[in-house]
Amino acid sequence: MENFDFASPTEFVFGRGAEERVGAKLAERGARRVLVHFGGESARRSGLLDRVAASLDAAGIEHLELGGVRPNPEVGLVREGVRLCKEGAVDWVLAVGGGSVVDSAKAIANGACIAEDVWELFETKRPNPDVLPIAVVLTIPAAGSEASKNTVVSNDELGRKTGYANERQRPQLAFMNPELTFTLPPFQTAAGITDMFCHLLECFFDDYGPVPVTDNLNLSLMRTIRAEAPRVLADPECYDARANLMWAGMLCHQGIAGVGRHEDWATHGLEHELSALDPSITHGAGLAVMFPAWMEHVHGENPGRFAQYGREVFGLAASGSVEADAWSAIDETRAFFASLGMPTTLGELGVAEEDIEGMMPTLRANKGVPFGSFKKLDLDDARAIYRRAL
């Protein structure tokens, strides 16, 4: 097991009616003026924003709103949030939504406390110790951003999508009511399931040897997600299935599933270029295409790791050939994503051969060369993986 630093400062308020405790919990922590940040109008039509506002009002907390967060959040709206926070003396940022809303809120919370433009943090990756405290009312289990140190934001003007990690931007409060996910469309549910599963894959496949505590936690979460996925797609209002997926999604990206390992994260970098190329590409859908392609390209570095994954997660019997078992595990991974209704090729996402070369400069800028851990990749490897995904 490698050395590691790990912190999890988030307080989780989990279960039915969790969002109705927002005001009281924020008041306990001294909040006086809150920016409520959200995505589209579904949060308003569902009555969720009204319930959150009523809870804040009951606690005597002033609040202002900023909606409009899109999937793959863009820095332009982040800058508007920074302006509102600075001009309005905001002391907390409350995200009401899924991973894109939480990521945008994290970027706002950073930008509100610095003099320079917030995009500078994403470009330079410099540490920023000054971040407004963040709370989350989670509506889409997927990204795990409600407890992670990471955020990812797009800059359409530059054609960039890149991340920023900062322990200070881990949310301090996460309100998690599985009932809020009952009305998610099947595609959004499936994309979220894919995203959380792929977080575990990034942690499990690296260049380090066995770390039994971490590995068994990781494998158990994969099995749970596989079991609950068909359940929740068949019965969207199954509380237990929704609850298990919501809690698993947090654990998949909070950090605990990768402690003691190096982790890989090459595939996320490859996918980020897809959704920078076309912001309408859903992150989970892009990962469903890219992960099996990455697996095919790199599995020869340690086919036994893939064979173990196939046995533990998919129940595959050993064939006597580790290489064959590795390929079977890859096939099962692609089939699992397809069973959720996810795409299997870049063509289904509208990405063509001629788009590949245009992604190379920003991939280099975002990930550097080499990148990845399981196998060190260069840009020729990246081109080959994209071509496999076509």
Foldseek 3Di string as FASTA:
>chain_A
DADDDADFQADEAEAPPLLLCVQVVVVVVPFAEEEEEEEDCPCVVVCVVVSNVVSNVVNNHHYDYDYHADQQGALVSLVVLLVCCQVVVGQEYEYEEAQSSLLSSLLNQQSNPDDDRSVVCQQVLDAGPGGRAYEYEYQAQAQLQQGAQKHWHAHLVVLAIAMHGYNNSGHNYYRYYLQSNLPPPLVSNLLRLLRLLVLLVQQLFFQDDDDPVLNVVSLVLLQLSLVLLVVCSVRVRPRVSSSSSNVSSNVSRNCSNRPPHPGWCPQLLLLRSVCSVPVVDRSSLSSLLQVLLVLVLQCVLPLQSQLVSCCSRVVDDDPVDSNVSSVVSSVVSNVSSVVSVHDHAVVVVVDDLVCLVVSQVNSCSHANAQGTGSDGDDSVSSSSSNVSRD
